[in-house]
């Protein structure tokens, strides 16, 4: 977005972040704080596939004050298939399930935000408030697992949007998916920021006994103030650690994802997060460096200027030092961990701490227990 780009340039010149914020405020792209109360994104840019763009401005008729706040709306989506395949060389799974599109957690850094553009919506506030649920997910999953020749491998859930975001309390799609996976003895790995995952401990513990399930809680920061503005509707850091404890006590292999690590803001917490998660029962750990693809970059920059203007230049300088001078580098092998001296330092700190705490365990799930669908008896030929 042009105003964010101009603000970014201004932030690195005389006047700094104050001038940058003034540029964005004058552009009119920021949504009033009362309208976005409880949300992370401060802007709602038009999706990149739309032929026109929307701009809010005062036309003199005093209509801006009458605009309603952004409330969570849920639409039903009925896809033909539910298992998404990938061949990415730098991730550990080749299939995943996304019960929901969009995420009410509203994490400002979420790399899934640009996918809302495919729905003709904004990756900004629309991503957090205009959600899509897939109520037929469990039926579709059972159908796909019943196909001849299906070869079981761990299904990852929570790799795009969070399966335990607040609307899961109402729709219970994730629980229905787990019921299908348990019946078929199919392995599953879950990543979430929500303490709601403990609701399904009964299913997960039974699957874990057979080596079919593991869970990872994503902990970005232990600072409640940072978490409140950065991921406003996700569980607090304390509740995530308590969820780790409950899952571990139930015999479920549990890990922690320090993701994303934001250089100059949350990276000083790496050791504390790992130590706290280990004390709660986590035995596996992973991390991802902040990713700012496509529309995520201006949304994150605007957030950083609003909440931490004094750190803007430092954070963005470190980000670019790990991304070959850019906000993001999508090259395989670099997009998750970054490159350069600072990225190397973060990696070594993480590895040394995880090894010292005994968190370098890898829980491998079983594929050999899979129960294929019973074939229907063919009708005998009439004599």
Protein backbone atom coordinates (compact mmCIF):
# COMPACT_ATOMS: atom_id res chain seq x y z
CA UNK A 1 0.00 0.00 0.00
CA UNK A 2 1.37 3.38 -1.04
CA UNK A 3 0.75 5.27 2.28
CA UNK A 4 2.46 2.49 4.28
CA UNK A 5 5.38 2.48 1.85
CA UNK A 6 5.80 6.26 2.26
CA UNK A 7 5.51 5.93 6.03
CA UNK A 8 8.20 3.24 6.04
CA UNK A 9 10.60 5.56 4.20
CA UNK A 10 9.78 8.41 6.57
CA UNK A 11 10.40 6.25 9.63
CA UNK A 12 14.04 5.85 8.61
CA UNK A 13 14.56 9.58 8.06
CA UNK A 14 14.43 12.69 10.25
CA UNK A 15 11.09 12.81 12.02
CA UNK A 16 11.06 9.05 12.38
CA UNK A 17 8.02 7.17 13.55
CA UNK A 18 6.07 10.34 14.42
CA UNK A 19 6.20 11.44 10.80
CA UNK A 20 5.38 7.91 9.63
CA UNK A 21 2.28 7.77 11.82
CA UNK A 22 1.22 11.22 10.60
CA UNK A 23 1.44 10.06 6.98
CA UNK A 24 -0.76 7.04 7.65
CA UNK A 25 -3.27 9.05 9.69
CA UNK A 26 -3.55 11.70 6.98
CA UNK A 27 -4.10 9.05 4.31
CA UNK A 28 -7.36 7.94 5.93
CA UNK A 29 -6.60 4.22 5.61
CA UNK A 30 -6.62 3.59 9.35
CA UNK A 31 -9.90 2.43 10.83
CA UNK A 32 -11.11 4.28 13.91
CA UNK A 33 -10.10 2.55 17.13
CA UNK A 34 -13.69 2.12 18.37
CA UNK A 35 -14.71 0.35 15.16
CA UNK A 36 -11.84 -2.15 15.46
CA UNK A 37 -11.96 -2.57 19.22
CA UNK A 38 -10.49 -5.94 20.19
CA UNK A 39 -8.86 -6.44 16.78
CA UNK A 40 -5.19 -6.44 15.84
CA UNK A 41 -5.20 -5.02 12.31
CA UNK A 42 -5.62 -1.27 12.07
CA UNK A 43 -6.36 -1.20 8.34
CA UNK A 44 -8.67 -3.06 5.99
CA UNK A 45 -7.05 -2.83 2.54
CA UNK A 46 -8.89 -4.05 -0.53
CA UNK A 47 -7.94 -7.54 -1.69
CA UNK A 48 -5.29 -7.58 -4.39
CA UNK A 49 -7.57 -9.30 -6.92
CA UNK A 50 -10.30 -6.63 -6.77
CA UNK A 51 -10.70 -4.25 -9.75
CA UNK A 52 -11.41 -1.24 -7.50
CA UNK A 53 -10.10 -0.07 -4.13
CA UNK A 54 -12.04 1.39 -1.19
CA UNK A 55 -10.97 4.54 0.63
CA UNK A 56 -12.66 6.05 3.68
CA UNK A 57 -12.74 9.86 3.83
CA UNK A 58 -14.89 12.57 5.34
CA UNK A 59 -17.21 13.88 2.64
CA UNK A 60 -18.60 16.61 4.89
CA UNK A 61 -21.87 14.83 5.63
CA UNK A 62 -20.73 13.46 9.01
CA UNK A 63 -21.40 9.86 7.98
CA UNK A 64 -18.12 8.31 9.13
CA UNK A 65 -19.20 8.37 12.77
CA UNK A 66 -22.20 6.19 11.89
CA UNK A 67 -20.14 3.31 10.53
CA UNK A 68 -20.69 0.15 12.62
CA UNK A 69 -17.90 -1.68 14.47
CA UNK A 70 -16.42 -4.82 12.98
CA UNK A 71 -18.42 -7.72 14.37
CA UNK A 72 -17.63 -11.38 13.82
CA UNK A 73 -19.72 -12.84 10.99
CA UNK A 74 -19.59 -16.50 9.96
CA UNK A 75 -20.58 -17.87 6.58
CA UNK A 76 -20.84 -21.50 5.56
CA UNK A 77 -18.37 -22.86 3.03
CA UNK A 78 -18.98 -26.21 1.37
CA UNK A 79 -15.82 -27.37 -0.42
CA UNK A 80 -15.67 -30.55 -2.46
CA UNK A 81 -12.62 -31.87 -0.65
CA UNK A 82 -11.13 -31.18 2.78
CA UNK A 83 -7.58 -32.57 2.68
CA UNK A 84 -5.11 -30.07 1.21
CA UNK A 85 -1.91 -31.49 -0.30
CA UNK A 86 1.47 -29.81 -0.58
CA UNK A 87 4.95 -30.71 -1.77
CA UNK A 88 6.90 -27.96 0.04
CA UNK A 89 10.42 -29.20 0.81
CA UNK A 90 10.81 -27.21 4.04
CA UNK A 91 7.79 -28.42 6.01
CA UNK A 92 7.35 -31.80 7.64
CA UNK A 93 3.89 -32.75 6.36
CA UNK A 94 2.33 -33.29 2.96
CA UNK A 95 -1.34 -32.93 3.87
CA UNK A 96 -3.44 -30.72 6.10
CA UNK A 97 -7.00 -29.76 7.01
CA UNK A 98 -8.36 -26.26 7.60
CA UNK A 99 -11.81 -26.38 9.26
CA UNK A 100 -12.13 -22.60 8.99
CA UNK A 101 -11.11 -19.81 6.65
CA UNK A 102 -10.11 -16.58 8.37
CA UNK A 103 -9.31 -16.48 12.08
CA UNK A 104 -10.87 -14.51 14.93
CA UNK A 105 -7.65 -14.70 16.92
CA UNK A 106 -6.56 -11.84 14.70
CA UNK A 107 -2.80 -12.33 14.99
CA UNK A 108 -1.38 -9.32 13.19
CA UNK A 109 1.54 -11.31 11.74
CA UNK A 110 -0.54 -14.23 10.42
CA UNK A 111 0.86 -15.40 7.07
CA UNK A 112 -2.60 -16.77 6.14
CA UNK A 113 -4.12 -13.29 5.85
CA UNK A 114 -3.53 -12.98 2.06
CA UNK A 115 -5.78 -16.01 1.45
CA UNK A 116 -8.82 -13.86 2.23
CA UNK A 117 -8.14 -12.00 -1.00
CA UNK A 118 -9.25 -15.13 -2.87
CA UNK A 119 -12.71 -14.60 -1.35
CA UNK A 120 -12.89 -10.98 -2.53
CA UNK A 121 -12.26 -9.74 1.01
CA UNK A 122 -9.57 -7.82 2.82
CA UNK A 123 -6.63 -9.55 4.51
CA UNK A 124 -6.92 -6.87 7.20
CA UNK A 125 -9.92 -6.58 9.49
CA UNK A 126 -12.07 -8.76 7.21
CA UNK A 127 -9.73 -11.68 7.89
CA UNK A 128 -10.43 -11.35 11.62
CA UNK A 129 -14.16 -10.68 11.44
CA UNK A 130 -15.61 -12.28 8.28
CA UNK A 131 -15.04 -15.98 8.76
CA UNK A 132 -15.97 -19.15 6.88
CA UNK A 133 -16.82 -22.46 8.55
CA UNK A 134 -16.81 -25.85 6.83
CA UNK A 135 -19.50 -27.88 8.65
CA UNK A 136 -19.20 -30.83 6.24
CA UNK A 137 -15.50 -31.28 6.99
CA UNK A 138 -15.85 -34.53 8.95
CA UNK A 139 -18.06 -36.15 6.29
CA UNK A 140 -15.69 -35.09 3.53
CA UNK A 141 -12.75 -36.43 5.51
CA UNK A 142 -14.38 -39.81 6.01
CA UNK A 143 -15.15 -39.95 2.29
CA UNK A 144 -11.57 -39.12 1.32
CA UNK A 145 -10.12 -41.65 3.75
CA UNK A 146 -12.40 -44.27 2.18
CA UNK A 147 -10.97 -43.92 -1.30
CA UNK A 148 -9.22 -46.97 -2.73
CA UNK A 149 -5.48 -46.72 -2.43
CA UNK A 150 -5.42 -44.02 0.24
CA UNK A 151 -2.06 -44.10 2.01
CA UNK A 152 -2.12 -42.71 5.57
CA UNK A 153 0.39 -40.12 6.70
CA UNK A 154 0.10 -37.57 9.47
CA UNK A 155 -2.53 -34.92 8.80
CA UNK A 156 -1.53 -31.50 10.10
CA UNK A 157 -4.26 -29.24 11.47
CA UNK A 158 -3.70 -25.63 12.50
CA UNK A 159 -0.98 -24.88 9.96
CA UNK A 160 -3.03 -22.13 8.30
CA UNK A 161 -5.80 -20.81 10.54
CA UNK A 162 -6.46 -22.01 14.08
CA UNK A 163 -8.87 -24.97 14.37
CA UNK A 164 -9.65 -23.99 17.97
CA UNK A 165 -10.46 -20.33 17.36
CA UNK A 166 -13.48 -19.02 19.35
CA UNK A 167 -16.18 -20.07 16.86
CA UNK A 168 -15.16 -23.71 17.34
CA UNK A 169 -17.11 -23.60 20.61
CA UNK A 170 -20.27 -23.25 18.53
CA UNK A 171 -19.49 -25.29 15.41
CA UNK A 172 -17.43 -28.14 16.97
CA UNK A 173 -16.03 -29.01 13.54
CA UNK A 174 -12.61 -29.87 14.93
CA UNK A 175 -14.08 -32.34 17.41
CA UNK A 176 -16.03 -34.08 14.63
CA UNK A 177 -12.82 -34.35 12.59
CA UNK A 178 -11.03 -35.93 15.55
CA UNK A 179 -13.85 -38.44 15.96
CA UNK A 180 -13.36 -39.56 12.36
CA UNK A 181 -9.59 -39.77 12.75
CA UNK A 182 -9.90 -41.77 15.96
CA UNK A 183 -12.32 -44.23 14.36
CA UNK A 184 -9.94 -44.71 11.42
CA UNK A 185 -6.82 -44.78 13.65
CA UNK A 186 -5.29 -42.05 11.52
CA UNK A 187 -2.34 -39.95 12.83
CA UNK A 188 -2.84 -36.23 13.43
CA UNK A 189 -0.62 -33.34 14.52
CA UNK A 190 -2.26 -30.17 15.84
CA UNK A 191 -0.91 -26.64 16.27
CA UNK A 192 -2.99 -24.06 18.13
CA UNK A 193 -2.88 -20.89 20.23
CA UNK A 194 -6.10 -21.79 22.03
CA UNK A 195 -6.68 -23.38 25.42
CA UNK A 196 -9.90 -24.81 23.92
CA UNK A 197 -7.82 -27.78 22.78
CA UNK A 198 -8.11 -29.24 26.29
CA UNK A 199 -11.82 -29.81 25.61
CA UNK A 200 -10.80 -32.72 23.37
CA UNK A 201 -8.35 -34.33 25.77
CA UNK A 202 -10.60 -37.39 25.97
CA UNK A 203 -10.17 -38.17 22.26
CA UNK A 204 -6.56 -37.01 22.02
CA UNK A 205 -5.43 -39.07 25.01
CA UNK A 206 -6.95 -42.24 23.56
CA UNK A 207 -5.24 -41.56 20.23
CA UNK A 208 -1.96 -40.71 21.95
CA UNK A 209 -1.95 -44.09 23.72
CA UNK A 210 -1.74 -45.65 20.25
CA UNK A 211 0.85 -43.19 18.96
CA UNK A 212 -1.66 -41.36 16.77
CA UNK A 213 -1.75 -37.80 18.10
CA UNK A 214 0.45 -34.95 19.24
CA UNK A 215 -0.21 -31.27 19.94
CA UNK A 216 1.91 -28.12 19.83
CA UNK A 217 0.95 -24.84 21.48
CA UNK A 218 2.21 -21.72 19.76
CA UNK A 219 3.67 -19.27 22.29
CA UNK A 220 4.89 -16.03 20.74
CA UNK A 221 5.52 -14.06 23.92
CA UNK A 222 5.04 -14.27 27.67
CA UNK A 223 4.34 -10.54 27.84
CA UNK A 224 0.58 -10.11 28.26
CA UNK A 225 0.65 -6.52 26.97
CA UNK A 226 2.37 -7.49 23.73
CA UNK A 227 0.09 -10.50 23.31
CA UNK A 228 -3.04 -8.45 23.90
CA UNK A 229 -2.33 -6.10 21.00
CA UNK A 230 -0.57 -8.59 18.69
CA UNK A 231 -2.95 -11.58 18.99
CA UNK A 232 -5.95 -10.05 20.81
CA UNK A 233 -8.41 -12.95 20.79
CA UNK A 234 -6.02 -15.84 21.30
CA UNK A 235 -5.56 -17.40 24.73
CA UNK A 236 -3.25 -15.53 27.07
CA UNK A 237 0.31 -16.87 27.37
CA UNK A 238 -0.48 -18.20 30.85
CA UNK A 239 -3.47 -20.18 29.62
CA UNK A 240 -1.43 -21.67 26.78
CA UNK A 241 1.18 -22.88 29.26
CA UNK A 242 -1.60 -24.35 31.41
CA UNK A 243 -2.98 -26.13 28.33
CA UNK A 244 0.48 -27.63 27.77
CA UNK A 245 0.43 -28.87 31.35
CA UNK A 246 -3.02 -30.45 31.04
CA UNK A 247 -2.19 -32.15 27.75
CA UNK A 248 1.08 -33.48 29.13
CA UNK A 249 -0.60 -34.76 32.30
CA UNK A 250 -3.08 -36.63 30.07
CA UNK A 251 -0.22 -38.47 28.35
CA UNK A 252 -0.45 -36.54 25.08
CA UNK A 253 2.92 -35.68 23.46
CA UNK A 254 3.02 -31.90 23.51
CA UNK A 255 5.44 -29.37 22.12
CA UNK A 256 5.84 -25.63 21.89
CA UNK A 257 6.17 -23.52 18.76
CA UNK A 258 7.98 -20.24 19.36
CA UNK A 259 6.40 -18.72 16.30
CA UNK A 260 6.87 -16.24 14.97
CA UNK A 261 10.00 -14.84 16.56
CA UNK A 262 9.90 -11.08 15.99
CA UNK A 263 13.46 -9.71 16.01
CA UNK A 264 13.92 -6.74 18.29
CA UNK A 265 10.58 -7.33 20.00
CA UNK A 266 10.06 -10.93 21.15
CA UNK A 267 13.40 -12.60 20.43
CA UNK A 268 14.78 -11.75 23.91
CA UNK A 269 12.15 -14.16 25.28
CA UNK A 270 13.28 -17.30 23.45
CA UNK A 271 14.97 -18.89 26.46
CA UNK A 272 12.17 -17.92 28.87
CA UNK A 273 9.46 -19.34 26.62
CA UNK A 274 11.31 -22.63 26.19
CA UNK A 275 12.04 -22.91 29.91
CA UNK A 276 8.41 -22.16 30.84
CA UNK A 277 7.05 -24.62 28.28
CA UNK A 278 9.43 -27.34 29.47
CA UNK A 279 8.36 -26.77 33.07
CA UNK A 280 4.76 -27.21 31.92
CA UNK A 281 5.54 -30.56 30.25
CA UNK A 282 6.52 -29.79 26.65
CA UNK A 283 9.13 -32.18 25.26
CA UNK A 284 9.40 -30.92 21.67
CA UNK A 285 10.09 -27.43 20.32
CA UNK A 286 10.26 -25.55 17.06
CA UNK A 287 10.46 -21.97 15.85
CA UNK A 288 9.73 -19.78 12.83
CA UNK A 289 11.12 -16.33 12.10
CA UNK A 290 8.58 -13.58 11.34
CA UNK A 291 7.21 -13.89 7.80
CA UNK A 292 5.72 -10.86 6.01
CA UNK A 293 4.42 -12.05 2.62
CA UNK A 294 2.21 -9.89 0.39
CA UNK A 295 -0.41 -7.90 2.37
CA UNK A 296 0.92 -9.05 5.75
CA UNK A 297 3.80 -6.59 5.49
CA UNK A 298 1.79 -3.31 5.48
CA UNK A 299 -0.61 -4.65 8.12
CA UNK A 300 2.28 -5.56 10.44
CA UNK A 301 4.10 -2.26 9.79
CA UNK A 302 0.99 -0.26 10.65
CA UNK A 303 0.57 -2.26 13.88
CA UNK A 304 4.21 -1.74 14.82
CA UNK A 305 3.96 2.01 14.23
CA UNK A 306 0.80 2.25 16.34
CA UNK A 307 1.99 0.22 19.32
CA UNK A 308 5.81 0.29 19.28
CA UNK A 309 6.86 3.32 17.20
CA UNK A 310 10.16 3.64 19.05
CA UNK A 311 11.16 0.13 17.95
CA UNK A 312 10.03 0.40 14.33
CA UNK A 313 13.40 1.10 12.72
CA UNK A 314 15.20 -1.49 14.84
CA UNK A 315 12.66 -4.27 14.17
CA UNK A 316 12.37 -3.65 10.43
CA UNK A 317 16.14 -3.32 10.04
CA UNK A 318 16.62 -6.72 11.67
CA UNK A 319 13.83 -8.26 9.58
CA UNK A 320 15.48 -7.05 6.38
CA UNK A 321 18.90 -8.19 7.52
CA UNK A 322 17.49 -11.74 7.55
CA UNK A 323 15.54 -11.37 4.28
CA UNK A 324 18.26 -10.18 1.89
CA UNK A 325 17.26 -6.54 2.37
CA UNK A 326 13.56 -7.18 1.76
CA UNK A 327 10.54 -7.53 4.02
CA UNK A 328 10.21 -11.17 2.95
CA UNK A 329 12.07 -13.83 1.02
CA UNK A 330 9.95 -16.80 -0.07
CA UNK A 331 12.87 -18.99 -1.13
CA UNK A 332 12.69 -22.58 0.11
CA UNK A 333 14.91 -23.10 3.11
CA UNK A 334 14.98 -19.39 3.96
CA UNK A 335 11.35 -18.40 4.39
CA UNK A 336 10.95 -20.12 7.79
CA UNK A 337 14.35 -19.44 9.39
CA UNK A 338 15.75 -16.43 7.55
CA UNK A 339 19.42 -16.02 6.64
CA UNK A 340 22.41 -13.97 7.75
CA UNK A 341 24.21 -13.40 11.07
CA UNK A 342 21.15 -12.43 13.14
CA UNK A 343 19.12 -15.40 11.90
CA UNK A 344 22.09 -17.66 12.65
CA UNK A 345 22.31 -16.26 16.17
CA UNK A 346 18.61 -16.88 16.83
CA UNK A 347 18.93 -20.42 15.52
CA UNK A 348 21.90 -21.23 17.74
CA UNK A 349 20.25 -19.73 20.84
CA UNK A 350 17.17 -21.81 20.20
CA UNK A 351 19.04 -25.04 19.52
CA UNK A 352 21.33 -24.73 22.54
CA UNK A 353 18.46 -23.97 24.91
CA UNK A 354 16.24 -26.72 23.54
CA UNK A 355 19.06 -29.26 23.82
CA UNK A 356 19.90 -28.19 27.37
CA UNK A 357 16.24 -28.57 28.38
CA UNK A 358 15.86 -31.92 26.63
CA UNK A 359 13.32 -30.54 24.18
CA UNK A 360 14.89 -31.99 21.06
CA UNK A 361 12.64 -35.07 21.20
CA UNK A 362 10.75 -35.90 18.00
CA UNK A 363 7.44 -37.71 18.42
CA UNK A 364 6.87 -39.87 15.35
CA UNK A 365 3.28 -40.95 14.84
CA UNK A 366 2.19 -44.33 13.57
CA UNK A 367 0.71 -44.98 10.13
CA UNK A 368 0.35 -48.75 10.38
CA UNK A 369 -2.87 -48.84 12.42
CA UNK A 370 -5.04 -47.19 9.78
CA UNK A 371 -8.46 -48.79 9.35
CA UNK A 372 -9.55 -48.69 5.73
CA UNK A 373 -13.21 -48.45 4.84
CA UNK A 374 -15.10 -51.70 4.57
CA UNK A 375 -15.90 -52.49 0.99
CA UNK A 376 -19.54 -52.93 0.20
CA UNK A 377 -20.51 -56.46 -0.77
CA UNK A 378 -21.07 -56.72 -4.48
CA UNK A 379 -24.45 -58.08 -5.52
CA UNK A 380 -24.26 -61.73 -6.56
CA UNK A 381 -25.13 -62.54 -10.14
CA UNK A 382 -28.66 -63.79 -10.56
CA UNK A 383 -28.87 -67.34 -11.81
